[in-house]
Structures are given as C-alpha cells and as structure tokens.
Amino acid sequence: MELITNSRLGMWETCPTKAHYHYDLRLRQKGIRWALCIGRAVHAGMEELNQSRDLHRAVDAALADFAFIETHLDESQGEPEKYKIERQRIAVYVTAAAAHFQQHPVVAVEAEFTRPLQNPRTGGKSRTFYLAGKADGIVEIEGARWLLEYKTSGVSSEEFIQHYSGNRQIALYTEALGVQGALVRYIGKTRKEPKRRGGEVVESLEDYGARLLGDYLEDDTKIQEFLVVPTEEQLNEFRKQVWDAAQVMLFERRAGILRKNYHECANCDFHAVCHNETGWESQYYVSEYDHDELPGLQRADGSNSA
C-alpha cells in the first residue's frame, strides 16, 4: 500500500514532478535545511515537556536534537556562528512556550496513524492508497480529545492564524484520530541578532538569549494558541479532494504522464536534477524512506508496512 500524507498531497498539487523526485525516487538535497531543523528541535523540546513537565529537560532535548547538524556546518558560509545563534533562539522558543502554554493531560505523543482511503461517494476503499500522518500529540481538554499541533513560523501570529484556520491537515487528522479538532500552538521565530557596533558583535550569546527571552515573555503575540474545529462542510470537501487527487495520480501513472509546474522551478530543491544540470548527482542523496517523518510506517527500503 502507498501512503498519502498531507505533505505528499501538497507537494503533488504544487508540482507532480517535484513529488516524484521526493517520494518515488526519495532524493533529498544536501545541506542544512535550517527551518526544518529548527522546527524539529522545538518539537523535540515540546514533546519532552509534555512528557516530563521539566523545562530543563525540554530545553536539553531541543538542543540535543539540533546538535546533529554540527558535523554538517560549512565555515565558508558562516554556519558555525549561525548555529550558535539558533541554539539561543531555540532555547528561548521552548522556555517561552513552556511559560505561556497551559499543560493538559496527554493522551498520546508523536502518534503515527494510517487509515484506508475511502471513496466518499460509495464508501469503497482504495486498493492502492492509505492516508497517513503523525500527530505531535493528543491532549484532553474538559473531557474531550484534541489534536496538539506545534507550529514554528516566521510570519506574524495574525497572518498565521488567518491562513491556518482552514488547514487541510487538521481535517485529515481530526477524521483519522477521532478528535474534536486541533489545539494549535504558534511559536513565532525571530530575526533579531546579537547587538553590533561598527560591524562587530558587542553582546555575548548569553546576554542575547536573555534579552530575547525577555522580549518573548513580554510580547503575547510571539507565542499564541487557538482551537480549530473543522466544519462538516470542510470534512466533506477534504474527503472528496483527497479521493479525487488519488484517482488523478493513478490515471497519470498508468498513462505515463508526469506533469511539471514551470512556475515553481526557480526556487525548487530539485531544479538541478530536473533540468539535468552538470554534476547534479553530487547535490543529492537518497533517503531510506519516502516519508522521512514516518519511519515507523515504512521499511528501510522505502516501501510501506501499512
């Protein structure tokens, strides 16, 4: 069985060729993906906090997760200094989130799931696809179960909430996990740097971290949470969209069609391989899994165990 996740569906909608390189060929661009690494580290910290209720352990867990990139830092690109600054920021994100967010009883943490993809019109199950995903957590609030989602973002909380309220991932997880909806916890990322004077850094990393934490504790817009409850209309729309998308995937596969969205080429991770640039092979490696975030649902050869 093949897995359809929200990420795979979104990438396929953006560009089927991009999804082919990522999920079918399992190509990954070399180099540090800073936003993903930071988000993953914060998730690791919040997961530890939900389990142990210990802030020090949570910060340590976040920084330990982030430390894996140390061996990949490129001095010529100034990445060692960037790494030190991002460590301070990650510690602040986790500490400020712990101070802001109320703790709720945790039902599950990092819960992977699969469920058959069903035809919403007939109730029939797909012979090819399963829906899949991984929830940051499930918590209980006033007797009801809610999906727990942590989101680090560089956009303002206002803009994030505006664009996230109709998020398809929430519809998928709500239906698959049988929860009321999602408790979404937004953690805004900062661009503030250590103080400089005449081009020279004049603030220690420790002082920078303390100043940044003060900003986060004083500004309520940097750390926010809100509930998202998909309407029945949204759930029905999701069921139809994902089923219809799966049928198009199958049709194009059988017909040997691989569409390409040229409007997305400029900043695409797969530009080099897609345009057959000289030496493109050196820019990529092959992942063990087609869905890196769901190793428990796949065998090491990339095939699925669902």
C-alpha atoms as a PDB file:
ATOM      1  CA  MET A   1       0.000   0.000   0.000  1.00  0.00           C
ATOM      2  CA  GLU A   2       1.125   3.556  -0.694  1.00  0.00           C
ATOM      3  CA  LEU A   3       0.837   6.321   1.867  1.00  0.00           C
ATOM      4  CA  ILE A   4      -0.769   9.672   1.139  1.00  0.00           C
ATOM      5  CA  THR A   5       0.133  12.336   3.679  1.00  0.00           C
ATOM      6  CA  ASN A   6      -0.808  15.985   3.769  1.00  0.00           C
ATOM      7  CA  SER A   7       2.775  16.831   2.770  1.00  0.00           C
ATOM      8  CA  ARG A   8       2.786  14.472  -0.196  1.00  0.00           C
ATOM      9  CA  LEU A   9      -0.579  15.707  -1.398  1.00  0.00           C
ATOM     10  CA  GLY A  10       0.518  19.330  -1.112  1.00  0.00           C
ATOM     11  CA  MET A  11       3.764  18.724  -2.990  1.00  0.00           C
ATOM     12  CA  TRP A  12       1.969  16.799  -5.740  1.00  0.00           C
ATOM     13  CA  GLU A  13      -0.530  19.642  -6.132  1.00  0.00           C
ATOM     14  CA  THR A  14       2.358  22.119  -6.409  1.00  0.00           C
ATOM     15  CA  CYS A  15       4.283  20.040  -8.949  1.00  0.00           C
ATOM     16  CA  PRO A  16       3.855  16.308  -9.680  1.00  0.00           C
ATOM     17  CA  THR A  17       7.461  16.117 -10.900  1.00  0.00           C
ATOM     18  CA  LYS A  18       8.705  17.509  -7.588  1.00  0.00           C
ATOM     19  CA  ALA A  19       6.654  14.899  -5.720  1.00  0.00           C
ATOM     20  CA  HIS A  20       8.096  12.197  -7.993  1.00  0.00           C
ATOM     21  CA  TYR A  21      11.671  13.127  -7.107  1.00  0.00           C
ATOM     22  CA  HIS A  22      10.889  13.358  -3.397  1.00  0.00           C
ATOM     23  CA  TYR A  23       8.548  10.423  -2.794  1.00  0.00           C
ATOM     24  CA  ASP A  24       9.213   7.987  -5.641  1.00  0.00           C
ATOM     25  CA  LEU A  25      12.968   8.458  -6.109  1.00  0.00           C
ATOM     26  CA  ARG A  26      13.499   9.580  -2.480  1.00  0.00           C
ATOM     27  CA  LEU A  27      16.021  12.259  -3.495  1.00  0.00           C
ATOM     28  CA  ARG A  28      16.973  14.796  -0.826  1.00  0.00           C
ATOM     29  CA  GLN A  29      19.025  17.934  -1.341  1.00  0.00           C
ATOM     30  CA  LYS A  30      22.285  18.018   0.585  1.00  0.00           C
ATOM     31  CA  GLY A  31      22.986  20.846   3.002  1.00  0.00           C
ATOM     32  CA  ILE A  32      21.287  22.126   6.119  1.00  0.00           C
ATOM     33  CA  ARG A  33      17.573  22.866   5.934  1.00  0.00           C
ATOM     34  CA  TRP A  34      17.586  25.410   8.735  1.00  0.00           C
ATOM     35  CA  ALA A  35      13.843  25.979   9.043  1.00  0.00           C
ATOM     36  CA  LEU A  36      13.126  22.252   9.182  1.00  0.00           C
ATOM     37  CA  CYS A  37      15.933  21.600  11.662  1.00  0.00           C
ATOM     38  CA  ILE A  38      14.777  24.405  13.954  1.00  0.00           C
ATOM     39  CA  GLY A  39      11.163  23.269  13.801  1.00  0.00           C
ATOM     40  CA  ARG A  40      12.152  19.685  14.547  1.00  0.00           C
ATOM     41  CA  ALA A  41      14.268  20.746  17.525  1.00  0.00           C
ATOM     42  CA  VAL A  42      11.431  22.803  19.014  1.00  0.00           C
ATOM     43  CA  HIS A  43       9.074  19.852  18.528  1.00  0.00           C
ATOM     44  CA  ALA A  44      11.537  17.608  20.377  1.00  0.00           C
ATOM     45  CA  GLY A  45      11.653  20.080  23.252  1.00  0.00           C
ATOM     46  CA  MET A  46       7.880  20.390  23.495  1.00  0.00           C
ATOM     47  CA  GLU A  47       7.470  16.619  23.323  1.00  0.00           C
ATOM     48  CA  GLU A  48       9.822  16.236  26.286  1.00  0.00           C
ATOM     49  CA  LEU A  49       7.995  18.989  28.173  1.00  0.00           C
ATOM     50  CA  ASN A  50       4.641  17.278  27.654  1.00  0.00           C
ATOM     51  CA  GLN A  51       6.026  14.007  28.957  1.00  0.00           C
ATOM     52  CA  SER A  52       8.267  15.091  31.835  1.00  0.00           C
ATOM     53  CA  ARG A  53       6.906  18.565  32.711  1.00  0.00           C
ATOM     54  CA  ASP A  54      10.574  19.507  33.239  1.00  0.00           C
ATOM     55  CA  LEU A  55      11.737  22.692  31.484  1.00  0.00           C
ATOM     56  CA  HIS A  56      15.458  21.941  31.771  1.00  0.00           C
ATOM     57  CA  ARG A  57      14.988  18.521  30.208  1.00  0.00           C
ATOM     58  CA  ALA A  58      12.836  20.072  27.488  1.00  0.00           C
ATOM     59  CA  VAL A  59      15.491  22.637  26.536  1.00  0.00           C
ATOM     60  CA  ASP A  60      18.192  19.963  26.639  1.00  0.00           C
ATOM     61  CA  ALA A  61      16.103  17.714  24.384  1.00  0.00           C
ATOM     62  CA  ALA A  62      15.618  20.512  21.862  1.00  0.00           C
ATOM     63  CA  LEU A  63      19.311  21.398  21.760  1.00  0.00           C
ATOM     64  CA  ALA A  64      20.343  17.737  21.581  1.00  0.00           C
ATOM     65  CA  ASP A  65      18.079  17.251  18.580  1.00  0.00           C
ATOM     66  CA  PHE A  66      19.519  20.350  16.907  1.00  0.00           C
ATOM     67  CA  ALA A  67      23.104  19.226  17.571  1.00  0.00           C
ATOM     68  CA  PHE A  68      23.042  16.668  14.761  1.00  0.00           C
ATOM     69  CA  ILE A  69      23.815  19.434  12.248  1.00  0.00           C
ATOM     70  CA  GLU A  70      27.170  20.258  13.900  1.00  0.00           C
ATOM     71  CA  THR A  71      29.065  17.878  11.622  1.00  0.00           C
ATOM     72  CA  HIS A  72      27.461  19.444   8.538  1.00  0.00           C
ATOM     73  CA  LEU A  73      28.298  23.097   9.230  1.00  0.00           C
ATOM     74  CA  ASP A  74      30.094  24.975   6.450  1.00  0.00           C
ATOM     75  CA  GLU A  75      32.595  27.500   7.812  1.00  0.00           C
ATOM     76  CA  SER A  76      32.856  29.274   4.472  1.00  0.00           C
ATOM     77  CA  GLN A  77      29.151  30.134   4.733  1.00  0.00           C
ATOM     78  CA  GLY A  78      29.401  31.349   8.333  1.00  0.00           C
ATOM     79  CA  GLU A  79      27.240  28.473   9.518  1.00  0.00           C
ATOM     80  CA  PRO A  80      29.068  27.810  12.828  1.00  0.00           C
ATOM     81  CA  GLU A  81      28.131  31.311  14.034  1.00  0.00           C
ATOM     82  CA  LYS A  82      24.576  30.931  12.761  1.00  0.00           C
ATOM     83  CA  TYR A  83      24.343  27.631  14.619  1.00  0.00           C
ATOM     84  CA  LYS A  84      25.312  29.263  17.933  1.00  0.00           C
ATOM     85  CA  ILE A  85      22.695  31.989  17.471  1.00  0.00           C
ATOM     86  CA  GLU A  86      19.988  29.498  16.529  1.00  0.00           C
ATOM     87  CA  ARG A  87      20.766  27.445  19.656  1.00  0.00           C
ATOM     88  CA  GLN A  88      19.999  30.502  21.780  1.00  0.00           C
ATOM     89  CA  ARG A  89      16.801  31.117  19.854  1.00  0.00           C
ATOM     90  CA  ILE A  90      15.630  27.518  20.205  1.00  0.00           C
ATOM     91  CA  ALA A  91      16.202  27.622  23.965  1.00  0.00           C
ATOM     92  CA  VAL A  92      14.138  30.822  24.098  1.00  0.00           C
ATOM     93  CA  TYR A  93      11.321  29.358  21.994  1.00  0.00           C
ATOM     94  CA  VAL A  94      10.981  26.335  24.275  1.00  0.00           C
ATOM     95  CA  THR A  95      11.305  28.348  27.501  1.00  0.00           C
ATOM     96  CA  ALA A  96       8.782  30.976  26.426  1.00  0.00           C
ATOM     97  CA  ALA A  97       6.356  28.330  25.177  1.00  0.00           C
ATOM     98  CA  ALA A  98       6.595  26.483  28.486  1.00  0.00           C
ATOM     99  CA  ALA A  99       5.776  29.700  30.340  1.00  0.00           C
ATOM    100  CA  HIS A 100       2.844  30.556  28.084  1.00  0.00           C
ATOM    101  CA  PHE A 101       1.084  27.271  27.330  1.00  0.00           C
ATOM    102  CA  GLN A 102      -1.143  25.539  29.843  1.00  0.00           C
ATOM    103  CA  GLN A 103      -0.390  21.877  30.422  1.00  0.00           C
ATOM    104  CA  HIS A 104      -3.203  19.422  29.617  1.00  0.00           C
ATOM    105  CA  PRO A 105      -3.404  15.677  30.241  1.00  0.00           C
ATOM    106  CA  VAL A 106      -1.512  13.963  27.426  1.00  0.00           C
ATOM    107  CA  VAL A 107      -3.226  11.004  25.776  1.00  0.00           C
ATOM    108  CA  ALA A 108      -0.585  10.321  23.100  1.00  0.00           C
ATOM    109  CA  VAL A 109       2.702  11.789  21.866  1.00  0.00           C
ATOM    110  CA  GLU A 110       4.087  11.628  18.310  1.00  0.00           C
ATOM    111  CA  ALA A 111       1.271   9.288  17.304  1.00  0.00           C
ATOM    112  CA  GLU A 112       1.618   7.795  13.818  1.00  0.00           C
ATOM    113  CA  PHE A 113      -1.541   6.624  12.090  1.00  0.00           C
ATOM    114  CA  THR A 114      -2.858   5.093   8.905  1.00  0.00           C
ATOM    115  CA  ARG A 115      -6.389   4.593   7.674  1.00  0.00           C
ATOM    116  CA  PRO A 116      -7.809   3.339   4.382  1.00  0.00           C
ATOM    117  CA  LEU A 117      -8.560   5.984   1.792  1.00  0.00           C
ATOM    118  CA  GLN A 118     -12.284   5.788   1.107  1.00  0.00           C
ATOM    119  CA  ASN A 119     -14.464   6.900  -1.766  1.00  0.00           C
ATOM    120  CA  PRO A 120     -16.800   9.454  -0.115  1.00  0.00           C
ATOM    121  CA  ARG A 121     -19.468   8.763  -2.703  1.00  0.00           C
ATOM    122  CA  THR A 122     -19.635   4.956  -2.379  1.00  0.00           C
ATOM    123  CA  GLY A 123     -17.753   4.102   0.822  1.00  0.00           C
ATOM    124  CA  GLY A 124     -15.429   1.812  -1.123  1.00  0.00           C
ATOM    125  CA  LYS A 125     -11.788   1.556  -0.034  1.00  0.00           C
ATOM    126  CA  SER A 126      -8.804   2.264  -2.254  1.00  0.00           C
ATOM    127  CA  ARG A 127      -6.756  -0.785  -3.241  1.00  0.00           C
ATOM    128  CA  THR A 128      -3.665   1.406  -3.600  1.00  0.00           C
ATOM    129  CA  PHE A 129      -3.605   4.208  -1.019  1.00  0.00           C
ATOM    130  CA  TYR A 130      -3.747   4.677   2.734  1.00  0.00           C
ATOM    131  CA  LEU A 131      -3.991   8.052   4.444  1.00  0.00           C
ATOM    132  CA  ALA A 132      -1.168   8.543   6.935  1.00  0.00           C
ATOM    133  CA  GLY A 133       0.353  11.097   9.266  1.00  0.00           C
ATOM    134  CA  LYS A 134       1.914  11.761  12.636  1.00  0.00           C
ATOM    135  CA  ALA A 135       0.345  13.936  15.312  1.00  0.00           C
ATOM    136  CA  ASP A 136       2.539  15.977  17.648  1.00  0.00           C
ATOM    137  CA  GLY A 137       0.225  14.821  20.394  1.00  0.00           C
ATOM    138  CA  ILE A 138      -3.315  14.280  21.601  1.00  0.00           C
ATOM    139  CA  VAL A 139      -4.470  16.035  24.769  1.00  0.00           C
ATOM    140  CA  GLU A 140      -7.630  16.026  26.830  1.00  0.00           C
ATOM    141  CA  ILE A 141      -9.416  19.317  27.486  1.00  0.00           C
ATOM    142  CA  GLU A 142     -12.604  19.293  29.572  1.00  0.00           C
ATOM    143  CA  GLY A 143     -13.256  15.658  28.771  1.00  0.00           C
ATOM    144  CA  ALA A 144     -12.728  15.962  25.003  1.00  0.00           C
ATOM    145  CA  ARG A 145      -9.717  14.853  22.984  1.00  0.00           C
ATOM    146  CA  TRP A 146      -7.869  17.365  20.820  1.00  0.00           C
ATOM    147  CA  LEU A 147      -5.023  17.104  18.374  1.00  0.00           C
ATOM    148  CA  LEU A 148      -1.980  19.030  19.646  1.00  0.00           C
ATOM    149  CA  GLU A 149      -0.006  20.826  16.947  1.00  0.00           C
ATOM    150  CA  TYR A 150       3.125  22.950  17.456  1.00  0.00           C
ATOM    151  CA  LYS A 151       3.995  25.292  14.597  1.00  0.00           C
ATOM    152  CA  THR A 152       7.126  27.438  14.371  1.00  0.00           C
ATOM    153  CA  SER A 153       6.728  30.194  11.811  1.00  0.00           C
ATOM    154  CA  GLY A 154       8.455  33.304  10.559  1.00  0.00           C
ATOM    155  CA  VAL A 155       5.179  35.104   9.803  1.00  0.00           C
ATOM    156  CA  SER A 156       3.194  37.116  12.354  1.00  0.00           C
ATOM    157  CA  SER A 157       0.667  35.335  14.554  1.00  0.00           C
ATOM    158  CA  GLU A 158      -2.159  37.272  12.907  1.00  0.00           C
ATOM    159  CA  GLU A 159      -1.126  36.191   9.419  1.00  0.00           C
ATOM    160  CA  PHE A 160      -0.507  32.626  10.558  1.00  0.00           C
ATOM    161  CA  ILE A 161      -3.936  32.254  12.176  1.00  0.00           C
ATOM    162  CA  GLN A 162      -5.651  33.766   9.150  1.00  0.00           C
ATOM    163  CA  HIS A 163      -4.086  31.240   6.774  1.00  0.00           C
ATOM    164  CA  TYR A 164      -4.214  28.239   9.107  1.00  0.00           C
ATOM    165  CA  SER A 165      -7.874  28.251  10.138  1.00  0.00           C
ATOM    166  CA  GLY A 166      -8.927  26.178   7.117  1.00  0.00           C
ATOM    167  CA  ASN A 167      -5.869  23.919   7.123  1.00  0.00           C
ATOM    168  CA  ARG A 168      -6.441  20.612   5.347  1.00  0.00           C
ATOM    169  CA  GLN A 169      -4.072  18.769   7.676  1.00  0.00           C
ATOM    170  CA  ILE A 170      -6.435  19.483  10.567  1.00  0.00           C
ATOM    171  CA  ALA A 171      -9.319  17.919   8.633  1.00  0.00           C
ATOM    172  CA  LEU A 172      -7.220  14.824   7.894  1.00  0.00           C
ATOM    173  CA  TYR A 173      -6.049  14.379  11.475  1.00  0.00           C
ATOM    174  CA  THR A 174      -9.422  15.177  13.024  1.00  0.00           C
ATOM    175  CA  GLU A 175     -11.118  12.478  10.982  1.00  0.00           C
ATOM    176  CA  ALA A 176      -8.337   9.898  11.247  1.00  0.00           C
ATOM    177  CA  LEU A 177      -7.807  10.259  15.001  1.00  0.00           C
ATOM    178  CA  GLY A 178     -11.410  10.842  16.034  1.00  0.00           C
ATOM    179  CA  VAL A 179     -10.683  14.093  17.888  1.00  0.00           C
ATOM    180  CA  GLN A 180     -12.725  17.277  18.273  1.00  0.00           C
ATOM    181  CA  GLY A 181     -10.275  19.389  16.328  1.00  0.00           C
ATOM    182  CA  ALA A 182      -6.842  20.849  16.936  1.00  0.00           C
ATOM    183  CA  LEU A 183      -5.195  22.896  19.650  1.00  0.00           C
ATOM    184  CA  VAL A 184      -2.682  24.770  17.507  1.00  0.00           C
ATOM    185  CA  ARG A 185       0.276  26.324  19.300  1.00  0.00           C
ATOM    186  CA  TYR A 186       2.082  29.002  17.329  1.00  0.00           C
ATOM    187  CA  ILE A 187       5.697  29.891  18.152  1.00  0.00           C
ATOM    188  CA  GLY A 188       6.907  32.888  16.170  1.00  0.00           C
ATOM    189  CA  LYS A 189      10.536  32.849  15.079  1.00  0.00           C
ATOM    190  CA  THR A 190      12.709  35.923  15.424  1.00  0.00           C
ATOM    191  CA  ARG A 191      15.184  37.635  13.126  1.00  0.00           C
ATOM    192  CA  LYS A 192      16.824  39.631  15.923  1.00  0.00           C
ATOM    193  CA  GLU A 193      20.587  39.230  16.084  1.00  0.00           C
ATOM    194  CA  PRO A 194      23.127  39.894  18.847  1.00  0.00           C
ATOM    195  CA  LYS A 195      23.893  43.605  19.130  1.00  0.00           C
ATOM    196  CA  ARG A 196      26.614  45.005  16.919  1.00  0.00           C
ATOM    197  CA  ARG A 197      28.632  48.206  16.936  1.00  0.00           C
ATOM    198  CA  GLY A 198      30.717  49.202  13.959  1.00  0.00           C
ATOM    199  CA  GLY A 199      30.125  45.803  12.412  1.00  0.00           C
ATOM    200  CA  GLU A 200      31.449  43.977  15.493  1.00  0.00           C
ATOM    201  CA  VAL A 201      29.316  41.852  17.824  1.00  0.00           C
ATOM    202  CA  VAL A 202      29.251  43.535  21.244  1.00  0.00           C
ATOM    203  CA  GLU A 203      26.755  41.262  23.011  1.00  0.00           C
ATOM    204  CA  SER A 204      27.541  37.815  24.374  1.00  0.00           C
ATOM    205  CA  LEU A 205      25.358  34.893  23.343  1.00  0.00           C
ATOM    206  CA  GLU A 206      24.133  34.549  26.922  1.00  0.00           C
ATOM    207  CA  ASP A 207      23.107  38.220  27.091  1.00  0.00           C
ATOM    208  CA  TYR A 208      21.498  37.933  23.677  1.00  0.00           C
ATOM    209  CA  GLY A 209      19.471  34.923  24.823  1.00  0.00           C
ATOM    210  CA  ALA A 210      18.369  36.702  27.999  1.00  0.00           C
ATOM    211  CA  ARG A 211      17.306  39.800  26.045  1.00  0.00           C
ATOM    212  CA  LEU A 212      15.410  37.679  23.555  1.00  0.00           C
ATOM    213  CA  LEU A 213      13.636  35.731  26.287  1.00  0.00           C
ATOM    214  CA  GLY A 214      12.548  38.994  27.879  1.00  0.00           C
ATOM    215  CA  ASP A 215      11.023  40.066  24.575  1.00  0.00           C
ATOM    216  CA  TYR A 216       9.115  36.801  24.253  1.00  0.00           C
ATOM    217  CA  LEU A 217       7.796  36.874  27.805  1.00  0.00           C
ATOM    218  CA  GLU A 218       6.578  40.464  27.414  1.00  0.00           C
ATOM    219  CA  ASP A 219       5.032  40.165  23.930  1.00  0.00           C
ATOM    220  CA  ASP A 220       1.938  37.932  23.825  1.00  0.00           C
ATOM    221  CA  THR A 221       1.851  37.919  20.026  1.00  0.00           C
ATOM    222  CA  LYS A 222       5.013  35.808  19.771  1.00  0.00           C
ATOM    223  CA  ILE A 223       3.505  32.746  21.464  1.00  0.00           C
ATOM    224  CA  GLN A 224      -0.178  32.008  20.888  1.00  0.00           C
ATOM    225  CA  GLU A 225      -2.623  29.123  20.784  1.00  0.00           C
ATOM    226  CA  PHE A 226      -6.045  28.677  19.251  1.00  0.00           C
ATOM    227  CA  LEU A 227      -8.583  25.920  18.640  1.00  0.00           C
ATOM    228  CA  VAL A 228      -9.507  24.814  15.131  1.00  0.00           C
ATOM    229  CA  VAL A 229     -12.660  22.753  14.634  1.00  0.00           C
ATOM    230  CA  PRO A 230     -13.281  21.659  11.033  1.00  0.00           C
ATOM    231  CA  THR A 231     -16.876  22.036   9.891  1.00  0.00           C
ATOM    232  CA  GLU A 232     -18.713  19.112   8.335  1.00  0.00           C
ATOM    233  CA  GLU A 233     -18.532  21.001   5.053  1.00  0.00           C
ATOM    234  CA  GLN A 234     -14.736  21.196   5.325  1.00  0.00           C
ATOM    235  CA  LEU A 235     -14.505  17.496   6.180  1.00  0.00           C
ATOM    236  CA  ASN A 236     -16.661  16.545   3.200  1.00  0.00           C
ATOM    237  CA  GLU A 237     -14.594  18.768   0.928  1.00  0.00           C
ATOM    238  CA  PHE A 238     -11.404  17.140   2.217  1.00  0.00           C
ATOM    239  CA  ARG A 239     -12.758  13.620   1.616  1.00  0.00           C
ATOM    240  CA  LYS A 240     -13.656  14.460  -1.974  1.00  0.00           C
ATOM    241  CA  GLN A 241     -10.414  16.324  -2.702  1.00  0.00           C
ATOM    242  CA  VAL A 242      -8.083  13.617  -1.457  1.00  0.00           C
ATOM    243  CA  TRP A 243     -10.024  10.828  -3.185  1.00  0.00           C
ATOM    244  CA  ASP A 244     -10.156  12.698  -6.490  1.00  0.00           C
ATOM    245  CA  ALA A 245      -6.457  13.586  -6.247  1.00  0.00           C
ATOM    246  CA  ALA A 246      -5.612   9.910  -5.716  1.00  0.00           C
ATOM    247  CA  GLN A 247      -7.579   8.949  -8.817  1.00  0.00           C
ATOM    248  CA  VAL A 248      -5.713  11.533 -10.898  1.00  0.00           C
ATOM    249  CA  MET A 249      -2.400  10.201  -9.541  1.00  0.00           C
ATOM    250  CA  LEU A 250      -3.336   6.682 -10.623  1.00  0.00           C
ATOM    251  CA  PHE A 251      -4.578   7.788 -14.043  1.00  0.00           C
ATOM    252  CA  GLU A 252      -1.416   9.769 -14.789  1.00  0.00           C
ATOM    253  CA  ARG A 253       0.801   6.940 -13.558  1.00  0.00           C
ATOM    254  CA  ARG A 254      -0.910   4.390 -15.802  1.00  0.00           C
ATOM    255  CA  ALA A 255      -0.829   6.780 -18.756  1.00  0.00           C
ATOM    256  CA  GLY A 256       2.862   7.583 -18.247  1.00  0.00           C
ATOM    257  CA  ILE A 257       2.129  11.262 -17.621  1.00  0.00           C
ATOM    258  CA  LEU A 258       4.414  13.308 -15.358  1.00  0.00           C
ATOM    259  CA  ARG A 259       3.332  16.923 -15.293  1.00  0.00           C
ATOM    260  CA  LYS A 260       5.714  19.759 -14.426  1.00  0.00           C
ATOM    261  CA  ASN A 261       4.763  23.152 -12.999  1.00  0.00           C
ATOM    262  CA  TYR A 262       7.265  25.543 -14.563  1.00  0.00           C
ATOM    263  CA  HIS A 263       6.035  28.402 -12.365  1.00  0.00           C
ATOM    264  CA  GLU A 264       7.669  26.663  -9.370  1.00  0.00           C
ATOM    265  CA  CYS A 265      11.062  25.949 -10.943  1.00  0.00           C
ATOM    266  CA  ALA A 266      13.052  28.956  -9.729  1.00  0.00           C
ATOM    267  CA  ASN A 267      13.402  28.021  -6.052  1.00  0.00           C
ATOM    268  CA  CYS A 268      12.730  24.286  -6.304  1.00  0.00           C
ATOM    269  CA  ASP A 269      15.020  21.874  -4.425  1.00  0.00           C
ATOM    270  CA  PHE A 270      15.054  19.645  -7.488  1.00  0.00           C
ATOM    271  CA  HIS A 271      15.947  22.291 -10.075  1.00  0.00           C
ATOM    272  CA  ALA A 272      19.379  20.760 -10.712  1.00  0.00           C
ATOM    273  CA  VAL A 273      18.191  17.213 -11.361  1.00  0.00           C
ATOM    274  CA  CYS A 274      15.026  18.288 -13.155  1.00  0.00           C
ATOM    275  CA  HIS A 275      16.995  20.425 -15.614  1.00  0.00           C
ATOM    276  CA  ASN A 276      19.833  17.891 -15.824  1.00  0.00           C
ATOM    277  CA  GLU A 277      22.476  20.358 -14.690  1.00  0.00           C
ATOM    278  CA  THR A 278      26.082  19.204 -14.845  1.00  0.00           C
ATOM    279  CA  GLY A 279      27.049  17.374 -11.656  1.00  0.00           C
ATOM    280  CA  TRP A 280      23.543  17.343 -10.226  1.00  0.00           C
ATOM    281  CA  GLU A 281      24.229  13.930  -8.658  1.00  0.00           C
ATOM    282  CA  SER A 282      26.606  15.492  -6.125  1.00  0.00           C
ATOM    283  CA  GLN A 283      23.848  17.767  -4.813  1.00  0.00           C
ATOM    284  CA  TYR A 284      21.559  14.975  -3.579  1.00  0.00           C
ATOM    285  CA  TYR A 285      21.439  11.806  -1.536  1.00  0.00           C
ATOM    286  CA  VAL A 286      18.848   9.029  -1.436  1.00  0.00           C
ATOM    287  CA  SER A 287      16.766   8.774   1.738  1.00  0.00           C
ATOM    288  CA  GLU A 288      15.917   5.447   3.353  1.00  0.00           C
ATOM    289  CA  TYR A 289      12.263   6.444   3.397  1.00  0.00           C
ATOM    290  CA  ASP A 290       9.839   8.108   1.039  1.00  0.00           C
ATOM    291  CA  HIS A 291       8.171   9.741   4.071  1.00  0.00           C
ATOM    292  CA  ASP A 292      11.037  10.764   6.368  1.00  0.00           C
ATOM    293  CA  GLU A 293       8.645  11.756   9.144  1.00  0.00           C
ATOM    294  CA  LEU A 294       7.010   8.295   9.285  1.00  0.00           C
ATOM    295  CA  PRO A 295       9.805   5.720   9.696  1.00  0.00           C
ATOM    296  CA  GLY A 296       7.583   3.527  11.858  1.00  0.00           C
ATOM    297  CA  LEU A 297       5.158   3.017   8.982  1.00  0.00           C
ATOM    298  CA  GLN A 298       7.792   2.066   6.408  1.00  0.00           C
ATOM    299  CA  ARG A 299      10.510  -0.481   5.861  1.00  0.00           C
ATOM    300  CA  ALA A 300      14.064   0.704   5.392  1.00  0.00           C
ATOM    301  CA  ASP A 301      13.852   0.225   1.617  1.00  0.00           C
ATOM    302  CA  GLY A 302      11.205   2.930   1.448  1.00  0.00           C
ATOM    303  CA  SER A 303       8.290   0.523   0.989  1.00  0.00           C
ATOM    304  CA  ASN A 304       5.314   0.786   3.308  1.00  0.00           C
ATOM    305  CA  SER A 305       4.293  -1.588   6.055  1.00  0.00           C
ATOM    306  CA  ALA A 306       0.670  -0.434   6.225  1.00  0.00           C
END
